C-alpha atoms as a PDB file:
ATOM      1  CA  UNK A   1     -73.691 -50.740  20.885  1.00  0.00           C
ATOM      2  CA  UNK A   2     -72.625 -50.300  17.282  1.00  0.00           C
ATOM      3  CA  UNK A   3     -69.005 -49.305  16.715  1.00  0.00           C
ATOM      4  CA  UNK A   4     -68.493 -45.772  15.472  1.00  0.00           C
ATOM      5  CA  UNK A   5     -65.447 -44.193  13.885  1.00  0.00           C
ATOM      6  CA  UNK A   6     -65.065 -40.954  15.825  1.00  0.00           C
ATOM      7  CA  UNK A   7     -63.832 -39.202  12.674  1.00  0.00           C
ATOM      8  CA  UNK A   8     -67.388 -39.498  11.360  1.00  0.00           C
ATOM      9  CA  UNK A   9     -68.544 -37.078  14.047  1.00  0.00           C
ATOM     10  CA  UNK A  10     -66.600 -34.250  12.393  1.00  0.00           C
ATOM     11  CA  UNK A  11     -68.519 -34.900   9.175  1.00  0.00           C
ATOM     12  CA  UNK A  12     -71.801 -35.022  11.078  1.00  0.00           C
ATOM     13  CA  UNK A  13     -71.028 -31.695  12.743  1.00  0.00           C
ATOM     14  CA  UNK A  14     -70.345 -30.033   9.393  1.00  0.00           C
ATOM     15  CA  UNK A  15     -73.482 -31.528   7.890  1.00  0.00           C
ATOM     16  CA  UNK A  16     -75.529 -30.118  10.759  1.00  0.00           C
ATOM     17  CA  UNK A  17     -74.063 -26.682  10.035  1.00  0.00           C
ATOM     18  CA  UNK A  18     -74.884 -26.929   6.338  1.00  0.00           C
ATOM     19  CA  UNK A  19     -76.532 -30.119   5.045  1.00  0.00           C
ATOM     20  CA  UNK A  20     -74.822 -30.109   1.663  1.00  0.00           C
ATOM     21  CA  UNK A  21     -72.445 -32.944   0.847  1.00  0.00           C
ATOM     22  CA  UNK A  22     -70.575 -30.985  -1.817  1.00  0.00           C
ATOM     23  CA  UNK A  23     -69.795 -28.030   0.407  1.00  0.00           C
ATOM     24  CA  UNK A  24     -68.927 -30.212   3.395  1.00  0.00           C
ATOM     25  CA  UNK A  25     -66.530 -32.138   1.178  1.00  0.00           C
ATOM     26  CA  UNK A  26     -64.848 -28.880   0.129  1.00  0.00           C
ATOM     27  CA  UNK A  27     -64.442 -27.694   3.729  1.00  0.00           C
ATOM     28  CA  UNK A  28     -63.001 -30.998   4.915  1.00  0.00           C
ATOM     29  CA  UNK A  29     -60.803 -31.632   1.877  1.00  0.00           C
ATOM     30  CA  UNK A  30     -62.711 -34.761   0.908  1.00  0.00           C
ATOM     31  CA  UNK A  31     -64.562 -35.972  -2.143  1.00  0.00           C
ATOM     32  CA  UNK A  32     -68.350 -35.721  -2.329  1.00  0.00           C
ATOM     33  CA  UNK A  33     -68.626 -39.506  -2.598  1.00  0.00           C
ATOM     34  CA  UNK A  34     -66.540 -39.956   0.570  1.00  0.00           C
ATOM     35  CA  UNK A  35     -68.901 -37.658   2.486  1.00  0.00           C
ATOM     36  CA  UNK A  36     -71.899 -39.588   1.172  1.00  0.00           C
ATOM     37  CA  UNK A  37     -70.296 -42.862   2.266  1.00  0.00           C
ATOM     38  CA  UNK A  38     -69.648 -41.387   5.726  1.00  0.00           C
ATOM     39  CA  UNK A  39     -73.314 -40.395   6.027  1.00  0.00           C
ATOM     40  CA  UNK A  40     -74.319 -43.958   5.199  1.00  0.00           C
ATOM     41  CA  UNK A  41     -72.097 -45.238   8.011  1.00  0.00           C
ATOM     42  CA  UNK A  42     -73.578 -42.660  10.413  1.00  0.00           C
ATOM     43  CA  UNK A  43     -77.094 -43.782   9.464  1.00  0.00           C
ATOM     44  CA  UNK A  44     -76.149 -47.365  10.250  1.00  0.00           C
ATOM     45  CA  UNK A  45     -74.548 -46.400  13.585  1.00  0.00           C
ATOM     46  CA  UNK A  46     -77.454 -44.252  14.806  1.00  0.00           C
ATOM     47  CA  UNK A  47     -80.240 -46.285  13.126  1.00  0.00           C
ATOM     48  CA  UNK A  48     -81.741 -43.153  11.632  1.00  0.00           C
ATOM     49  CA  UNK A  49     -81.729 -41.397   8.256  1.00  0.00           C
ATOM     50  CA  UNK A  50     -80.144 -38.326   9.910  1.00  0.00           C
ATOM     51  CA  UNK A  51     -80.233 -36.261   6.672  1.00  0.00           C
ATOM     52  CA  UNK A  52     -83.104 -36.490   4.173  1.00  0.00           C
ATOM     53  CA  UNK A  53     -83.888 -34.894   0.840  1.00  0.00           C
ATOM     54  CA  UNK A  54     -85.700 -31.569   1.099  1.00  0.00           C
ATOM     55  CA  UNK A  55     -86.322 -29.802  -2.197  1.00  0.00           C
ATOM     56  CA  UNK A  56     -82.973 -29.455  -3.925  1.00  0.00           C
ATOM     57  CA  UNK A  57     -81.006 -29.907  -0.717  1.00  0.00           C
ATOM     58  CA  UNK A  58     -80.983 -31.971   2.472  1.00  0.00           C
ATOM     59  CA  UNK A  59     -82.348 -31.416   5.977  1.00  0.00           C
ATOM     60  CA  UNK A  60     -81.464 -33.014   9.330  1.00  0.00           C
ATOM     61  CA  UNK A  61     -83.996 -35.285  10.952  1.00  0.00           C
ATOM     62  CA  UNK A  62     -85.241 -34.527  14.495  1.00  0.00           C
ATOM     63  CA  UNK A  63     -82.850 -37.157  15.836  1.00  0.00           C
ATOM     64  CA  UNK A  64     -79.893 -35.578  14.028  1.00  0.00           C
ATOM     65  CA  UNK A  65     -80.795 -32.182  15.494  1.00  0.00           C
ATOM     66  CA  UNK A  66     -81.050 -33.645  18.984  1.00  0.00           C
ATOM     67  CA  UNK A  67     -77.626 -35.242  18.576  1.00  0.00           C
ATOM     68  CA  UNK A  68     -76.011 -31.944  17.508  1.00  0.00           C
ATOM     69  CA  UNK A  69     -75.115 -30.562  20.984  1.00  0.00           C
ATOM     70  CA  UNK A  70     -73.802 -33.960  22.105  1.00  0.00           C
ATOM     71  CA  UNK A  71     -71.614 -34.269  19.018  1.00  0.00           C
ATOM     72  CA  UNK A  72     -70.224 -30.769  19.611  1.00  0.00           C
ATOM     73  CA  UNK A  73     -69.428 -31.657  23.229  1.00  0.00           C
ATOM     74  CA  UNK A  74     -67.641 -34.881  22.262  1.00  0.00           C
ATOM     75  CA  UNK A  75     -65.538 -33.094  19.643  1.00  0.00           C
ATOM     76  CA  UNK A  76     -64.623 -30.332  22.084  1.00  0.00           C
ATOM     77  CA  UNK A  77     -63.463 -32.904  24.630  1.00  0.00           C
ATOM     78  CA  UNK A  78     -61.417 -34.730  22.012  1.00  0.00           C
ATOM     79  CA  UNK A  79     -59.761 -31.491  20.921  1.00  0.00           C
ATOM     80  CA  UNK A  80     -58.997 -30.637  24.533  1.00  0.00           C
ATOM     81  CA  UNK A  81     -57.314 -34.011  25.028  1.00  0.00           C
ATOM     82  CA  UNK A  82     -55.257 -33.484  21.893  1.00  0.00           C
ATOM     83  CA  UNK A  83     -54.195 -30.043  23.117  1.00  0.00           C
ATOM     84  CA  UNK A  84     -53.038 -31.583  26.386  1.00  0.00           C
ATOM     85  CA  UNK A  85     -51.099 -34.315  24.591  1.00  0.00           C
ATOM     86  CA  UNK A  86     -49.347 -31.683  22.495  1.00  0.00           C
ATOM     87  CA  UNK A  87     -48.872 -29.208  25.347  1.00  0.00           C
ATOM     88  CA  UNK A  88     -45.933 -26.892  24.660  1.00  0.00           C
ATOM     89  CA  UNK A  89     -44.672 -24.844  27.632  1.00  0.00           C
ATOM     90  CA  UNK A  90     -42.908 -22.464  25.245  1.00  0.00           C
ATOM     91  CA  UNK A  91     -46.288 -21.213  23.983  1.00  0.00           C
ATOM     92  CA  UNK A  92     -47.984 -21.008  27.395  1.00  0.00           C
ATOM     93  CA  UNK A  93     -48.937 -17.490  28.455  1.00  0.00           C
ATOM     94  CA  UNK A  94     -50.207 -17.125  32.022  1.00  0.00           C
ATOM     95  CA  UNK A  95     -49.250 -16.078  35.547  1.00  0.00           C
ATOM     96  CA  UNK A  96     -48.765 -18.533  38.403  1.00  0.00           C
ATOM     97  CA  UNK A  97     -49.311 -17.250  41.924  1.00  0.00           C
ATOM     98  CA  UNK A  98     -47.152 -18.616  44.744  1.00  0.00           C
ATOM     99  CA  UNK A  99     -46.985 -17.899  48.453  1.00  0.00           C
ATOM    100  CA  UNK A 100     -43.978 -18.876  50.521  1.00  0.00           C
ATOM    101  CA  UNK A 101     -41.854 -17.854  53.465  1.00  0.00           C
ATOM    102  CA  UNK A 102     -38.984 -15.448  52.960  1.00  0.00           C
ATOM    103  CA  UNK A 103     -36.224 -17.989  53.556  1.00  0.00           C
ATOM    104  CA  UNK A 104     -37.635 -20.369  50.919  1.00  0.00           C
ATOM    105  CA  UNK A 105     -38.183 -17.606  48.370  1.00  0.00           C
ATOM    106  CA  UNK A 106     -34.529 -16.629  48.724  1.00  0.00           C
ATOM    107  CA  UNK A 107     -33.496 -20.137  47.656  1.00  0.00           C
ATOM    108  CA  UNK A 108     -36.159 -20.827  45.041  1.00  0.00           C
ATOM    109  CA  UNK A 109     -37.145 -17.586  43.303  1.00  0.00           C
ATOM    110  CA  UNK A 110     -33.988 -17.038  41.235  1.00  0.00           C
ATOM    111  CA  UNK A 111     -33.588 -20.631  39.983  1.00  0.00           C
ATOM    112  CA  UNK A 112     -37.323 -20.874  39.282  1.00  0.00           C
ATOM    113  CA  UNK A 113     -37.341 -17.664  37.234  1.00  0.00           C
ATOM    114  CA  UNK A 114     -34.319 -18.901  35.273  1.00  0.00           C
ATOM    115  CA  UNK A 115     -36.004 -22.247  34.570  1.00  0.00           C
ATOM    116  CA  UNK A 116     -39.137 -20.466  33.337  1.00  0.00           C
ATOM    117  CA  UNK A 117     -37.130 -18.151  31.116  1.00  0.00           C
ATOM    118  CA  UNK A 118     -35.618 -21.178  29.402  1.00  0.00           C
ATOM    119  CA  UNK A 119     -38.718 -23.394  29.188  1.00  0.00           C
ATOM    120  CA  UNK A 120     -41.672 -20.991  29.142  1.00  0.00           C
ATOM    121  CA  UNK A 121     -40.601 -17.383  28.533  1.00  0.00           C
ATOM    122  CA  UNK A 122     -44.202 -16.120  28.393  1.00  0.00           C
ATOM    123  CA  UNK A 123     -45.028 -17.387  31.882  1.00  0.00           C
ATOM    124  CA  UNK A 124     -44.739 -14.966  34.813  1.00  0.00           C
ATOM    125  CA  UNK A 125     -44.753 -15.472  38.574  1.00  0.00           C
ATOM    126  CA  UNK A 126     -46.582 -13.561  41.262  1.00  0.00           C
ATOM    127  CA  UNK A 127     -45.163 -14.035  44.746  1.00  0.00           C
ATOM    128  CA  UNK A 128     -48.112 -13.322  47.035  1.00  0.00           C
ATOM    129  CA  UNK A 129     -47.675 -11.861  50.489  1.00  0.00           C
ATOM    130  CA  UNK A 130     -48.792 -13.506  53.707  1.00  0.00           C
ATOM    131  CA  UNK A 131     -52.178 -12.159  54.748  1.00  0.00           C
ATOM    132  CA  UNK A 132     -54.799 -12.605  57.414  1.00  0.00           C
ATOM    133  CA  UNK A 133     -56.796 -14.758  54.984  1.00  0.00           C
ATOM    134  CA  UNK A 134     -56.365 -18.485  55.463  1.00  0.00           C
ATOM    135  CA  UNK A 135     -53.952 -20.002  52.919  1.00  0.00           C
ATOM    136  CA  UNK A 136     -56.145 -23.061  52.407  1.00  0.00           C
ATOM    137  CA  UNK A 137     -59.093 -20.893  51.443  1.00  0.00           C
ATOM    138  CA  UNK A 138     -56.970 -18.881  49.024  1.00  0.00           C
ATOM    139  CA  UNK A 139     -55.749 -22.064  47.350  1.00  0.00           C
ATOM    140  CA  UNK A 140     -59.194 -23.624  47.084  1.00  0.00           C
ATOM    141  CA  UNK A 141     -60.679 -20.381  45.725  1.00  0.00           C
ATOM    142  CA  UNK A 142     -58.087 -20.268  42.945  1.00  0.00           C
ATOM    143  CA  UNK A 143     -56.302 -17.130  44.184  1.00  0.00           C
ATOM    144  CA  UNK A 144     -53.139 -19.170  44.752  1.00  0.00           C
ATOM    145  CA  UNK A 145     -51.655 -21.879  42.537  1.00  0.00           C
ATOM    146  CA  UNK A 146     -49.126 -23.112  45.077  1.00  0.00           C
ATOM    147  CA  UNK A 147     -48.200 -22.571  48.701  1.00  0.00           C
ATOM    148  CA  UNK A 148     -44.609 -23.565  49.431  1.00  0.00           C
ATOM    149  CA  UNK A 149     -43.541 -23.924  53.016  1.00  0.00           C
ATOM    150  CA  UNK A 150     -43.808 -25.900  56.242  1.00  0.00           C
ATOM    151  CA  UNK A 151     -47.106 -27.663  56.785  1.00  0.00           C
ATOM    152  CA  UNK A 152     -46.992 -29.725  59.986  1.00  0.00           C
ATOM    153  CA  UNK A 153     -50.612 -30.749  59.479  1.00  0.00           C
ATOM    154  CA  UNK A 154     -50.130 -31.740  55.805  1.00  0.00           C
ATOM    155  CA  UNK A 155     -50.941 -35.414  56.274  1.00  0.00           C
ATOM    156  CA  UNK A 156     -54.327 -34.565  57.820  1.00  0.00           C
ATOM    157  CA  UNK A 157     -55.453 -32.206  55.051  1.00  0.00           C
ATOM    158  CA  UNK A 158     -58.890 -32.687  53.583  1.00  0.00           C
ATOM    159  CA  UNK A 159     -59.227 -34.267  50.147  1.00  0.00           C
ATOM    160  CA  UNK A 160     -59.583 -30.896  48.431  1.00  0.00           C
ATOM    161  CA  UNK A 161     -55.871 -30.189  48.922  1.00  0.00           C
ATOM    162  CA  UNK A 162     -52.762 -32.069  47.884  1.00  0.00           C
ATOM    163  CA  UNK A 163     -49.250 -31.873  49.357  1.00  0.00           C
ATOM    164  CA  UNK A 164     -45.865 -32.880  47.946  1.00  0.00           C
ATOM    165  CA  UNK A 165     -43.045 -33.118  50.449  1.00  0.00           C
ATOM    166  CA  UNK A 166     -39.657 -31.561  49.668  1.00  0.00           C
ATOM    167  CA  UNK A 167     -37.796 -32.265  52.893  1.00  0.00           C
ATOM    168  CA  UNK A 168     -38.143 -32.890  56.631  1.00  0.00           C
ATOM    169  CA  UNK A 169     -37.104 -30.218  59.123  1.00  0.00           C
ATOM    170  CA  UNK A 170     -37.287 -29.591  62.852  1.00  0.00           C
ATOM    171  CA  UNK A 171     -37.556 -26.672  65.227  1.00  0.00           C
ATOM    172  CA  UNK A 172     -34.575 -25.731  67.388  1.00  0.00           C
ATOM    173  CA  UNK A 173     -33.849 -23.055  69.953  1.00  0.00           C
ATOM    174  CA  UNK A 174     -31.540 -20.379  68.556  1.00  0.00           C
ATOM    175  CA  UNK A 175     -29.538 -17.911  70.665  1.00  0.00           C
ATOM    176  CA  UNK A 176     -26.658 -15.505  70.196  1.00  0.00           C
ATOM    177  CA  UNK A 177     -23.392 -17.428  70.580  1.00  0.00           C
ATOM    178  CA  UNK A 178     -21.886 -14.512  72.532  1.00  0.00           C
ATOM    179  CA  UNK A 179     -24.612 -14.615  75.177  1.00  0.00           C
ATOM    180  CA  UNK A 180     -23.384 -15.884  78.533  1.00  0.00           C
ATOM    181  CA  UNK A 181     -26.889 -16.960  79.506  1.00  0.00           C
ATOM    182  CA  UNK A 182     -26.864 -20.350  77.770  1.00  0.00           C
ATOM    183  CA  UNK A 183     -24.660 -23.403  77.914  1.00  0.00           C
ATOM    184  CA  UNK A 184     -24.588 -26.410  75.611  1.00  0.00           C
ATOM    185  CA  UNK A 185     -28.006 -27.650  76.708  1.00  0.00           C
ATOM    186  CA  UNK A 186     -31.262 -25.857  77.447  1.00  0.00           C
ATOM    187  CA  UNK A 187     -33.359 -26.683  80.498  1.00  0.00           C
ATOM    188  CA  UNK A 188     -37.099 -26.109  80.761  1.00  0.00           C
ATOM    189  CA  UNK A 189     -36.457 -23.388  83.322  1.00  0.00           C
ATOM    190  CA  UNK A 190     -34.081 -21.574  80.968  1.00  0.00           C
ATOM    191  CA  UNK A 191     -36.512 -22.019  78.086  1.00  0.00           C
ATOM    192  CA  UNK A 192     -39.504 -20.490  79.886  1.00  0.00           C
ATOM    193  CA  UNK A 193     -37.419 -17.855  81.660  1.00  0.00           C
ATOM    194  CA  UNK A 194     -35.790 -16.565  78.469  1.00  0.00           C
ATOM    195  CA  UNK A 195     -37.105 -13.550  76.541  1.00  0.00           C
ATOM    196  CA  UNK A 196     -38.558 -14.966  73.311  1.00  0.00           C
ATOM    197  CA  UNK A 197     -38.645 -13.542  69.804  1.00  0.00           C
ATOM    198  CA  UNK A 198     -41.514 -15.083  67.843  1.00  0.00           C
ATOM    199  CA  UNK A 199     -42.543 -15.136  64.182  1.00  0.00           C
ATOM    200  CA  UNK A 200     -46.090 -13.981  63.445  1.00  0.00           C
ATOM    201  CA  UNK A 201     -46.392 -13.801  59.628  1.00  0.00           C
ATOM    202  CA  UNK A 202     -49.849 -12.234  59.471  1.00  0.00           C
ATOM    203  CA  UNK A 203     -49.906 -10.088  62.573  1.00  0.00           C
ATOM    204  CA  UNK A 204     -52.615 -12.057  64.306  1.00  0.00           C
ATOM    205  CA  UNK A 205     -54.325 -13.603  61.284  1.00  0.00           C
ATOM    206  CA  UNK A 206     -55.324 -17.214  60.725  1.00  0.00           C
ATOM    207  CA  UNK A 207     -52.051 -18.208  59.028  1.00  0.00           C
ATOM    208  CA  UNK A 208     -49.694 -19.385  61.775  1.00  0.00           C
ATOM    209  CA  UNK A 209     -45.960 -19.899  61.753  1.00  0.00           C
ATOM    210  CA  UNK A 210     -44.512 -23.328  62.479  1.00  0.00           C
ATOM    211  CA  UNK A 211     -43.438 -22.111  65.909  1.00  0.00           C
ATOM    212  CA  UNK A 212     -46.914 -20.784  66.728  1.00  0.00           C
ATOM    213  CA  UNK A 213     -48.441 -24.133  65.758  1.00  0.00           C
ATOM    214  CA  UNK A 214     -45.973 -26.003  67.943  1.00  0.00           C
ATOM    215  CA  UNK A 215     -46.566 -23.740  70.951  1.00  0.00           C
ATOM    216  CA  UNK A 216     -50.354 -23.916  70.582  1.00  0.00           C
ATOM    217  CA  UNK A 217     -50.376 -27.716  70.250  1.00  0.00           C
ATOM    218  CA  UNK A 218     -48.375 -28.048  73.474  1.00  0.00           C
ATOM    219  CA  UNK A 219     -50.178 -25.195  75.243  1.00  0.00           C
ATOM    220  CA  UNK A 220     -46.852 -23.483  75.923  1.00  0.00           C
ATOM    221  CA  UNK A 221     -46.696 -19.770  76.707  1.00  0.00           C
ATOM    222  CA  UNK A 222     -43.117 -18.476  76.799  1.00  0.00           C
ATOM    223  CA  UNK A 223     -42.324 -14.868  77.673  1.00  0.00           C
ATOM    224  CA  UNK A 224     -42.584 -13.035  74.345  1.00  0.00           C
ATOM    225  CA  UNK A 225     -40.758  -9.711  74.065  1.00  0.00           C
ATOM    226  CA  UNK A 226     -40.966  -9.107  70.318  1.00  0.00           C
ATOM    227  CA  UNK A 227     -42.730 -10.349  67.171  1.00  0.00           C
ATOM    228  CA  UNK A 228     -41.395 -10.506  63.606  1.00  0.00           C
ATOM    229  CA  UNK A 229     -43.043 -11.240  60.266  1.00  0.00           C
ATOM    230  CA  UNK A 230     -40.179 -13.375  58.951  1.00  0.00           C
ATOM    231  CA  UNK A 231     -37.927 -16.063  60.382  1.00  0.00           C
ATOM    232  CA  UNK A 232     -34.778 -14.437  59.040  1.00  0.00           C
ATOM    233  CA  UNK A 233     -35.601 -11.127  60.699  1.00  0.00           C
ATOM    234  CA  UNK A 234     -36.014 -12.895  64.015  1.00  0.00           C
ATOM    235  CA  UNK A 235     -32.709 -14.727  63.539  1.00  0.00           C
ATOM    236  CA  UNK A 236     -30.773 -11.538  62.825  1.00  0.00           C
ATOM    237  CA  UNK A 237     -32.435  -9.760  65.757  1.00  0.00           C
ATOM    238  CA  UNK A 238     -30.854 -12.271  68.165  1.00  0.00           C
ATOM    239  CA  UNK A 239     -27.379 -10.798  67.652  1.00  0.00           C
ATOM    240  CA  UNK A 240     -26.043  -9.177  70.811  1.00  0.00           C
ATOM    241  CA  UNK A 241     -29.050 -10.160  72.960  1.00  0.00           C
ATOM    242  CA  UNK A 242     -29.958 -12.806  75.523  1.00  0.00           C
ATOM    243  CA  UNK A 243     -33.190 -13.542  73.656  1.00  0.00           C
ATOM    244  CA  UNK A 244     -34.198 -16.932  72.275  1.00  0.00           C
ATOM    245  CA  UNK A 245     -36.057 -17.799  69.097  1.00  0.00           C
ATOM    246  CA  UNK A 246     -37.563 -21.097  68.009  1.00  0.00           C
ATOM    247  CA  UNK A 247     -36.706 -21.483  64.330  1.00  0.00           C
ATOM    248  CA  UNK A 248     -36.498 -24.139  61.580  1.00  0.00           C
ATOM    249  CA  UNK A 249     -33.042 -25.701  61.692  1.00  0.00           C
ATOM    250  CA  UNK A 250     -32.513 -25.531  57.932  1.00  0.00           C
ATOM    251  CA  UNK A 251     -33.166 -21.778  57.909  1.00  0.00           C
ATOM    252  CA  UNK A 252     -29.895 -21.114  59.729  1.00  0.00           C
ATOM    253  CA  UNK A 253     -27.936 -21.995  56.577  1.00  0.00           C
ATOM    254  CA  UNK A 254     -28.962 -18.610  55.188  1.00  0.00           C
ATOM    255  CA  UNK A 255     -27.816 -16.525  58.141  1.00  0.00           C
ATOM    256  CA  UNK A 256     -24.573 -14.611  57.651  1.00  0.00           C
ATOM    257  CA  UNK A 257     -21.748 -16.409  59.471  1.00  0.00           C
ATOM    258  CA  UNK A 258     -20.699 -13.090  61.007  1.00  0.00           C
ATOM    259  CA  UNK A 259     -23.956 -13.205  62.998  1.00  0.00           C
ATOM    260  CA  UNK A 260     -22.760 -15.865  65.375  1.00  0.00           C
ATOM    261  CA  UNK A 261     -25.701 -17.960  66.458  1.00  0.00           C
ATOM    262  CA  UNK A 262     -25.937 -21.178  68.427  1.00  0.00           C
ATOM    263  CA  UNK A 263     -28.594 -23.878  68.143  1.00  0.00           C
ATOM    264  CA  UNK A 264     -29.858 -25.895  71.065  1.00  0.00           C
ATOM    265  CA  UNK A 265     -32.272 -28.804  71.241  1.00  0.00           C
ATOM    266  CA  UNK A 266     -35.656 -27.860  72.646  1.00  0.00           C
ATOM    267  CA  UNK A 267     -36.122 -29.101  76.240  1.00  0.00           C
ATOM    268  CA  UNK A 268     -39.650 -30.190  75.302  1.00  0.00           C
ATOM    269  CA  UNK A 269     -40.913 -32.823  72.880  1.00  0.00           C
ATOM    270  CA  UNK A 270     -39.140 -32.599  69.512  1.00  0.00           C
ATOM    271  CA  UNK A 271     -41.173 -30.929  66.774  1.00  0.00           C
ATOM    272  CA  UNK A 272     -40.582 -32.219  63.227  1.00  0.00           C
ATOM    273  CA  UNK A 273     -42.476 -31.074  60.156  1.00  0.00           C
ATOM    274  CA  UNK A 274     -42.604 -31.425  56.389  1.00  0.00           C
ATOM    275  CA  UNK A 275     -41.746 -28.656  53.957  1.00  0.00           C
ATOM    276  CA  UNK A 276     -43.189 -28.819  50.454  1.00  0.00           C
ATOM    277  CA  UNK A 277     -45.879 -27.491  48.155  1.00  0.00           C
ATOM    278  CA  UNK A 278     -49.620 -27.406  48.613  1.00  0.00           C
ATOM    279  CA  UNK A 279     -52.230 -27.060  45.866  1.00  0.00           C
ATOM    280  CA  UNK A 280     -55.922 -27.554  45.154  1.00  0.00           C
ATOM    281  CA  UNK A 281     -56.986 -31.032  44.070  1.00  0.00           C
ATOM    282  CA  UNK A 282     -59.014 -29.493  41.251  1.00  0.00           C
ATOM    283  CA  UNK A 283     -55.713 -28.691  39.491  1.00  0.00           C
ATOM    284  CA  UNK A 284     -54.511 -32.308  39.524  1.00  0.00           C
ATOM    285  CA  UNK A 285     -55.458 -33.051  35.914  1.00  0.00           C
ATOM    286  CA  UNK A 286     -54.797 -29.573  34.464  1.00  0.00           C
ATOM    287  CA  UNK A 287     -51.822 -30.198  32.209  1.00  0.00           C
ATOM    288  CA  UNK A 288     -50.220 -26.769  32.578  1.00  0.00           C
ATOM    289  CA  UNK A 289     -50.489 -26.941  36.358  1.00  0.00           C
ATOM    290  CA  UNK A 290     -49.008 -30.445  36.358  1.00  0.00           C
ATOM    291  CA  UNK A 291     -46.125 -29.154  34.278  1.00  0.00           C
ATOM    292  CA  UNK A 292     -45.576 -26.204  36.623  1.00  0.00           C
ATOM    293  CA  UNK A 293     -45.593 -28.409  39.727  1.00  0.00           C
ATOM    294  CA  UNK A 294     -43.036 -30.721  38.138  1.00  0.00           C
ATOM    295  CA  UNK A 295     -40.891 -27.704  37.270  1.00  0.00           C
ATOM    296  CA  UNK A 296     -41.061 -26.364  40.838  1.00  0.00           C
ATOM    297  CA  UNK A 297     -40.203 -29.787  42.278  1.00  0.00           C
ATOM    298  CA  UNK A 298     -37.214 -30.098  39.946  1.00  0.00           C
ATOM    299  CA  UNK A 299     -35.971 -26.624  40.816  1.00  0.00           C
ATOM    300  CA  UNK A 300     -36.409 -27.358  44.531  1.00  0.00           C
ATOM    301  CA  UNK A 301     -34.388 -30.547  44.218  1.00  0.00           C
ATOM    302  CA  UNK A 302     -31.447 -28.594  42.814  1.00  0.00           C
ATOM    303  CA  UNK A 303     -31.756 -25.302  44.704  1.00  0.00           C
ATOM    304  CA  UNK A 304     -32.416 -26.873  48.102  1.00  0.00           C
ATOM    305  CA  UNK A 305     -29.918 -29.711  47.544  1.00  0.00           C
ATOM    306  CA  UNK A 306     -32.533 -32.392  48.110  1.00  0.00           C
ATOM    307  CA  UNK A 307     -32.783 -36.092  47.435  1.00  0.00           C
ATOM    308  CA  UNK A 308     -36.345 -36.380  46.098  1.00  0.00           C
END
């Protein structure tokens, strides 16, 4: 294959628009002789005349015309690469859509908005609500840019989704510290005999809470007396009751100290899970999405006091 200076393609594109060396030279800020020399090099590279005399002007050959769409495509790809290399967040104008649990939004939303205001003031965030629609489908369809939360099954996800871990957490039994029903340990009998408060974020939809996943995997059916859409609501509802809730251990940092709660190890197999962000693989090479993911990870490291 003959070597070709890619800059010559810009001249070829202009010549295909208007096969006139003088006018092409004017548009590109070149001399007429430089354009003529470039055409000679193009002829050598493509082994074709490309542009021939026609009356007082020039006309493209059939081969030159057939190369036109390909040349346009190559130039467009080159310009796209250059745009990515010179990506400036400060000029980016778009909305990123995120879905996350309440207790993570409380930690991340403020710092993330502040970081965007400083780095990309024209970018806005849409915090989507949990719905009966599967989160994976919403991510793969492009309705969500990121899902941030606990994904116990993250390591088994299909190739169309990617996951970046923020931290490791575990489920614990949480009860009111004033309740006389529980000691320092929890037996299986106490666990199954207790009235349970459970978190059901979508009211019966396909998106399950971490607790629901754990109970389903182990085929456990505790006595449920009430359902809540958020973990924090369930935690606060424990005050003054003998109820029990299975909650992420890290969540309890956000509960007001005046609501005296006590954590107990589950009397069944320990349930650990990863918390992080999930996104569609098709966004991996999109420069603005890469930048946003890096920003979210950096904010999470600070706001969640992590060691990434």
